[in-house]
Amino acid sequence: MRRWFGLGLLLVALAHPAAQAREAWRLATVELPPAISAKLPNQGYYSVLLRRVLQELDVDLELSFLPPHRTVQETADGLYMAAFPLARTPEREREFLVSEPFFIVKVRAFVRKDDPWNGGDAESMRGHLLCNILGAKLHPELQQAIDAGRLQVQRVSDIGACFRMLALGRVRFVVTGENTGYEGMQAVPEGDKRFRVAGPVLAALPVHLMFSRRVKGNAQRMRAFDHALRRLREQGVMAKLEQQILPQAPAAAP
């Protein structure tokens, strides 16, 4: 009798897979507020976007916040399924499978409203100090200028600190993602009246999931992720979600 009872429970479980434990994707990431942080509601907007895609796959998301080096190395070693946000390089593609981008960072320069600078390349910023947050990658042209000593950069843990220094004239530029910059402006009283975005988009940097080649089944997971992401984009779901959750430009004064 017990044997038949046990078999019956097994058949019920097989007939109702939802009753079984859902798969959880264990991902490694870094502190990079306001995009991703353990200290933020919903862990930042990268997390919200990822969870929406994974909802289509009926899987959960588990995030581990690590220092940048450990994020790369431990994921490459297979301790985590995937990592983000990592810059895509030929060297990393030997260790990782790279998904389609789930977000595009539009890198912009922010200045004080009384600054006459209205855009240009790294050479036009030469000799001045710019500010960015710890762990954020600058696009190659600016990074090369910094490496060559033609530009200097101040790194801080909070984008609001960049704008406070900008207000005091301690830095001339805040160079960061557009939405991150809009968030930072709000950290200074009347920031919308004191700062402006200068010039066009400096760079468009894709944010991927980087799947470890050492984790079994990751090729299939990446294909499923890409398929779900494309479907949500075609339906307009991702664009609508971004509009709801991303820090936005301050409304123009009447």
Protein backbone atom coordinates (compact mmCIF):
# COMPACT_ATOMS: atom_id res chain seq x y z
CA MET A 1 0.00 0.00 0.00
CA ARG A 2 2.79 2.41 0.94
CA ARG A 3 4.54 1.54 -2.33
CA TRP A 4 1.48 2.52 -4.37
CA PHE A 5 0.99 5.66 -2.27
CA GLY A 6 4.58 6.75 -2.93
CA LEU A 7 4.20 6.06 -6.65
CA GLY A 8 1.04 8.13 -6.70
CA LEU A 9 2.85 11.12 -5.17
CA LEU A 10 5.58 10.80 -7.78
CA LEU A 11 3.03 10.78 -10.62
CA VAL A 12 1.34 13.87 -9.17
CA ALA A 13 4.68 15.68 -9.03
CA LEU A 14 5.46 14.76 -12.63
CA ALA A 15 2.02 15.84 -13.77
CA HIS A 16 2.42 19.22 -12.02
CA PRO A 17 5.99 20.43 -12.65
CA ALA A 18 5.11 23.82 -11.13
CA ALA A 19 5.08 22.08 -7.78
CA GLN A 20 8.77 21.31 -8.17
CA ALA A 21 11.47 23.78 -7.18
CA ARG A 22 12.13 26.47 -9.78
CA GLU A 23 15.59 26.84 -11.19
CA ALA A 24 17.54 29.81 -9.83
CA TRP A 25 20.21 31.55 -11.89
CA ARG A 26 23.14 32.47 -9.65
CA LEU A 27 24.78 35.57 -11.09
CA ALA A 28 27.78 37.57 -9.92
CA THR A 29 27.83 41.34 -10.10
CA VAL A 30 29.40 44.44 -8.54
CA GLU A 31 28.21 47.49 -6.67
CA LEU A 32 27.45 50.08 -9.34
CA PRO A 33 24.61 52.28 -8.08
CA PRO A 34 22.08 53.33 -9.21
CA ALA A 35 22.17 50.63 -11.91
CA ILE A 36 22.89 47.69 -9.59
CA SER A 37 23.40 47.58 -5.82
CA ALA A 38 22.49 45.38 -2.88
CA LYS A 39 21.53 48.53 -0.98
CA LEU A 40 18.88 49.75 -3.43
CA PRO A 41 15.19 48.86 -3.64
CA ASN A 42 14.85 45.92 -6.02
CA GLN A 43 18.69 45.95 -6.24
CA GLY A 44 18.68 48.63 -8.95
CA TYR A 45 17.27 48.85 -12.45
CA TYR A 46 19.59 46.25 -14.02
CA SER A 47 18.10 43.73 -11.62
CA VAL A 48 14.53 44.75 -12.50
CA LEU A 49 15.22 44.35 -16.22
CA LEU A 50 16.86 40.96 -15.75
CA ARG A 51 14.09 39.64 -13.51
CA ARG A 52 11.52 40.58 -16.14
CA VAL A 53 13.35 38.56 -18.79
CA LEU A 54 13.84 35.61 -16.44
CA GLN A 55 10.14 35.72 -15.59
CA GLU A 56 9.55 34.58 -19.17
CA LEU A 57 11.78 31.56 -18.50
CA ASP A 58 10.10 30.76 -15.17
CA VAL A 59 13.39 30.96 -13.29
CA ASP A 60 14.48 32.94 -10.25
CA LEU A 61 17.45 35.30 -9.91
CA GLU A 62 20.03 35.12 -7.13
CA LEU A 63 22.63 37.89 -7.10
CA SER A 64 25.99 37.83 -5.34
CA PHE A 65 27.79 41.17 -5.03
CA LEU A 66 31.56 40.75 -5.31
CA PRO A 67 34.64 42.87 -5.95
CA PRO A 68 35.27 43.28 -9.71
CA HIS A 69 38.18 40.83 -9.91
CA ARG A 70 36.29 38.10 -8.07
CA THR A 71 33.20 38.71 -10.23
CA VAL A 72 35.22 37.92 -13.34
CA GLN A 73 37.40 35.14 -12.00
CA GLU A 74 34.85 33.17 -9.99
CA THR A 75 32.33 33.25 -12.83
CA ALA A 76 34.98 32.18 -15.33
CA ASP A 77 35.80 29.30 -12.96
CA GLY A 78 32.16 28.18 -12.98
CA LEU A 79 31.18 29.21 -9.45
CA TYR A 80 28.41 31.37 -10.92
CA MET A 81 26.34 30.86 -14.07
CA ALA A 82 26.97 34.33 -15.42
CA ALA A 83 28.22 37.80 -14.53
CA PHE A 84 27.47 41.40 -15.42
CA PRO A 85 28.22 44.18 -16.21
CA LEU A 86 31.55 43.24 -17.80
CA ALA A 87 33.20 44.85 -20.79
CA ARG A 88 33.25 42.55 -23.80
CA THR A 89 36.78 41.75 -24.98
CA PRO A 90 38.30 39.00 -27.19
CA GLU A 91 40.06 37.61 -24.10
CA ARG A 92 36.82 37.34 -22.15
CA GLU A 93 35.02 35.67 -25.02
CA ARG A 94 37.36 32.73 -24.54
CA GLU A 95 35.95 32.32 -21.03
CA PHE A 96 32.37 33.49 -21.52
CA LEU A 97 29.39 33.17 -23.82
CA VAL A 98 28.00 36.66 -24.42
CA SER A 99 24.26 37.29 -24.52
CA GLU A 100 22.45 39.95 -26.46
CA PRO A 101 22.54 43.24 -24.53
CA PHE A 102 19.68 43.70 -22.10
CA PHE A 103 20.51 47.40 -21.73
CA ILE A 104 22.46 50.09 -23.60
CA VAL A 105 24.31 52.69 -21.53
CA LYS A 106 24.37 56.07 -23.26
CA VAL A 107 27.52 57.77 -21.99
CA ARG A 108 27.07 61.54 -21.61
CA ALA A 109 29.03 64.49 -20.27
CA PHE A 110 27.39 66.67 -17.61
CA VAL A 111 28.64 70.19 -16.84
CA ARG A 112 27.52 73.21 -14.87
CA LYS A 113 25.03 75.42 -16.67
CA ASP A 114 27.49 78.32 -16.66
CA ASP A 115 30.16 76.23 -18.42
CA PRO A 116 30.52 77.16 -22.13
CA TRP A 117 31.70 73.66 -23.13
CA ASN A 118 29.15 72.17 -25.49
CA GLY A 119 30.54 68.83 -26.48
CA GLY A 120 33.58 67.43 -28.18
CA ASP A 121 36.08 64.61 -28.07
CA ALA A 122 38.58 63.66 -25.37
CA GLU A 123 41.05 66.22 -26.71
CA SER A 124 38.56 69.02 -26.00
CA MET A 125 38.52 67.89 -22.34
CA ARG A 126 42.32 67.85 -22.12
CA GLY A 127 43.83 69.15 -18.90
CA HIS A 128 40.59 68.98 -16.93
CA LEU A 129 39.34 66.70 -14.20
CA LEU A 130 36.32 64.48 -14.75
CA CYS A 131 34.39 62.38 -12.26
CA ASN A 132 32.90 58.91 -12.43
CA ILE A 133 31.90 56.18 -10.01
CA LEU A 134 34.13 53.35 -8.86
CA GLY A 135 33.96 50.28 -11.07
CA ALA A 136 32.36 52.03 -14.05
CA LYS A 137 34.13 51.65 -17.39
CA LEU A 138 34.82 54.70 -19.50
CA HIS A 139 34.63 54.32 -23.25
CA PRO A 140 37.99 53.62 -24.94
CA GLU A 141 38.76 57.16 -26.19
CA LEU A 142 38.47 58.69 -22.73
CA GLN A 143 40.28 55.80 -21.07
CA GLN A 144 43.20 56.16 -23.49
CA ALA A 145 43.41 59.88 -22.75
CA ILE A 146 43.48 59.13 -19.01
CA ASP A 147 46.13 56.43 -19.43
CA ALA A 148 48.25 58.89 -21.44
CA GLY A 149 47.91 61.57 -18.75
CA ARG A 150 45.97 64.00 -20.96
CA LEU A 151 42.94 63.70 -18.68
CA GLN A 152 42.49 63.05 -14.98
CA VAL A 153 39.62 61.21 -13.34
CA GLN A 154 38.24 61.32 -9.81
CA ARG A 155 36.52 58.11 -8.72
CA VAL A 156 33.82 58.08 -6.04
CA SER A 157 31.41 55.48 -4.70
CA ASP A 158 28.29 57.63 -5.11
CA ILE A 159 27.33 59.50 -8.28
CA GLY A 160 25.82 62.23 -6.13
CA ALA A 161 29.33 63.03 -4.87
CA CYS A 162 30.40 63.72 -8.45
CA PHE A 163 27.69 66.33 -8.84
CA ARG A 164 28.45 67.91 -5.48
CA MET A 165 32.07 68.33 -6.62
CA LEU A 166 30.86 69.65 -9.96
CA ALA A 167 28.73 72.26 -8.17
CA LEU A 168 31.81 73.39 -6.20
CA GLY A 169 34.02 73.51 -9.29
CA ARG A 170 36.31 70.73 -8.07
CA VAL A 171 35.74 68.80 -11.30
CA ARG A 172 34.69 70.15 -14.68
CA PHE A 173 32.94 67.11 -16.12
CA VAL A 174 30.85 64.24 -14.85
CA VAL A 175 31.05 61.54 -17.51
CA THR A 176 28.64 58.69 -16.88
CA GLY A 177 25.60 56.88 -18.18
CA GLU A 178 22.73 59.17 -19.03
CA ASN A 179 20.32 57.72 -16.48
CA THR A 180 22.99 57.54 -13.78
CA GLY A 181 23.69 61.20 -14.41
CA TYR A 182 20.04 62.14 -14.04
CA GLU A 183 20.02 60.31 -10.71
CA GLY A 184 23.14 62.18 -9.57
CA MET A 185 21.69 65.57 -10.46
CA GLN A 186 18.92 64.98 -7.93
CA ALA A 187 21.50 64.68 -5.12
CA VAL A 188 22.18 68.45 -5.33
CA PRO A 189 19.48 70.98 -4.41
CA GLU A 190 18.00 72.45 -7.59
CA GLY A 191 20.32 70.25 -9.62
CA ASP A 192 18.12 70.59 -12.69
CA LYS A 193 18.84 74.35 -12.64
CA ARG A 194 22.58 74.00 -11.95
CA PHE A 195 23.66 71.28 -14.40
CA ARG A 196 23.06 70.30 -18.00
CA VAL A 197 23.93 67.54 -20.43
CA ALA A 198 26.55 68.82 -22.87
CA GLY A 199 26.92 67.64 -26.44
CA PRO A 200 25.83 64.38 -28.06
CA VAL A 201 26.10 60.83 -26.73
CA LEU A 202 29.81 60.03 -26.30
CA ALA A 203 29.38 56.27 -26.55
CA ALA A 204 26.72 53.56 -26.44
CA LEU A 205 27.91 50.68 -24.25
CA PRO A 206 25.95 47.40 -24.31
CA VAL A 207 25.34 45.52 -21.06
CA HIS A 208 25.38 41.74 -21.54
CA LEU A 209 25.09 38.65 -19.43
CA MET A 210 28.42 36.84 -19.65
CA PHE A 211 27.76 33.10 -19.24
CA SER A 212 30.59 30.93 -17.95
CA ARG A 213 31.69 28.33 -20.48
CA ARG A 214 32.42 25.98 -17.57
CA VAL A 215 28.81 25.67 -16.40
CA LYS A 216 26.92 22.80 -18.03
CA GLY A 217 23.82 23.91 -19.92
CA ASN A 218 24.86 27.55 -20.22
CA ALA A 219 24.73 27.57 -24.02
CA GLN A 220 21.06 26.57 -23.84
CA ARG A 221 20.42 29.11 -21.06
CA MET A 222 21.91 31.90 -23.13
CA ARG A 223 19.82 30.99 -26.18
CA ALA A 224 16.69 30.94 -24.04
CA PHE A 225 17.58 34.29 -22.50
CA ASP A 226 18.21 35.88 -25.90
CA HIS A 227 14.95 34.51 -27.29
CA ALA A 228 12.91 35.82 -24.34
CA LEU A 229 14.64 39.21 -24.52
CA ARG A 230 13.94 39.58 -28.24
CA ARG A 231 10.29 38.65 -27.74
CA LEU A 232 9.83 41.20 -24.95
CA ARG A 233 11.49 43.88 -27.06
CA GLU A 234 9.26 43.15 -30.04
CA GLN A 235 6.22 43.42 -27.78
CA GLY A 236 7.41 46.78 -26.43
CA VAL A 237 7.58 45.41 -22.89
CA MET A 238 11.22 46.32 -22.25
CA ALA A 239 10.87 49.87 -23.57
CA LYS A 240 7.83 50.45 -21.36
CA LEU A 241 9.60 49.00 -18.33
CA GLU A 242 12.66 51.19 -18.89
CA GLN A 243 10.43 54.25 -19.03
CA GLN A 244 8.94 53.28 -15.67
CA ILE A 245 12.12 52.46 -13.73
CA LEU A 246 15.02 54.48 -15.16
CA PRO A 247 15.99 57.85 -13.70
CA GLN A 248 14.70 60.41 -16.20
CA ALA A 249 15.84 63.84 -17.32
CA PRO A 250 14.37 66.61 -15.16
CA ALA A 251 11.29 68.23 -16.62
CA ALA A 252 11.97 71.45 -18.45
CA ALA A 253 11.08 74.56 -16.49
CA PRO A 254 7.94 76.33 -17.78
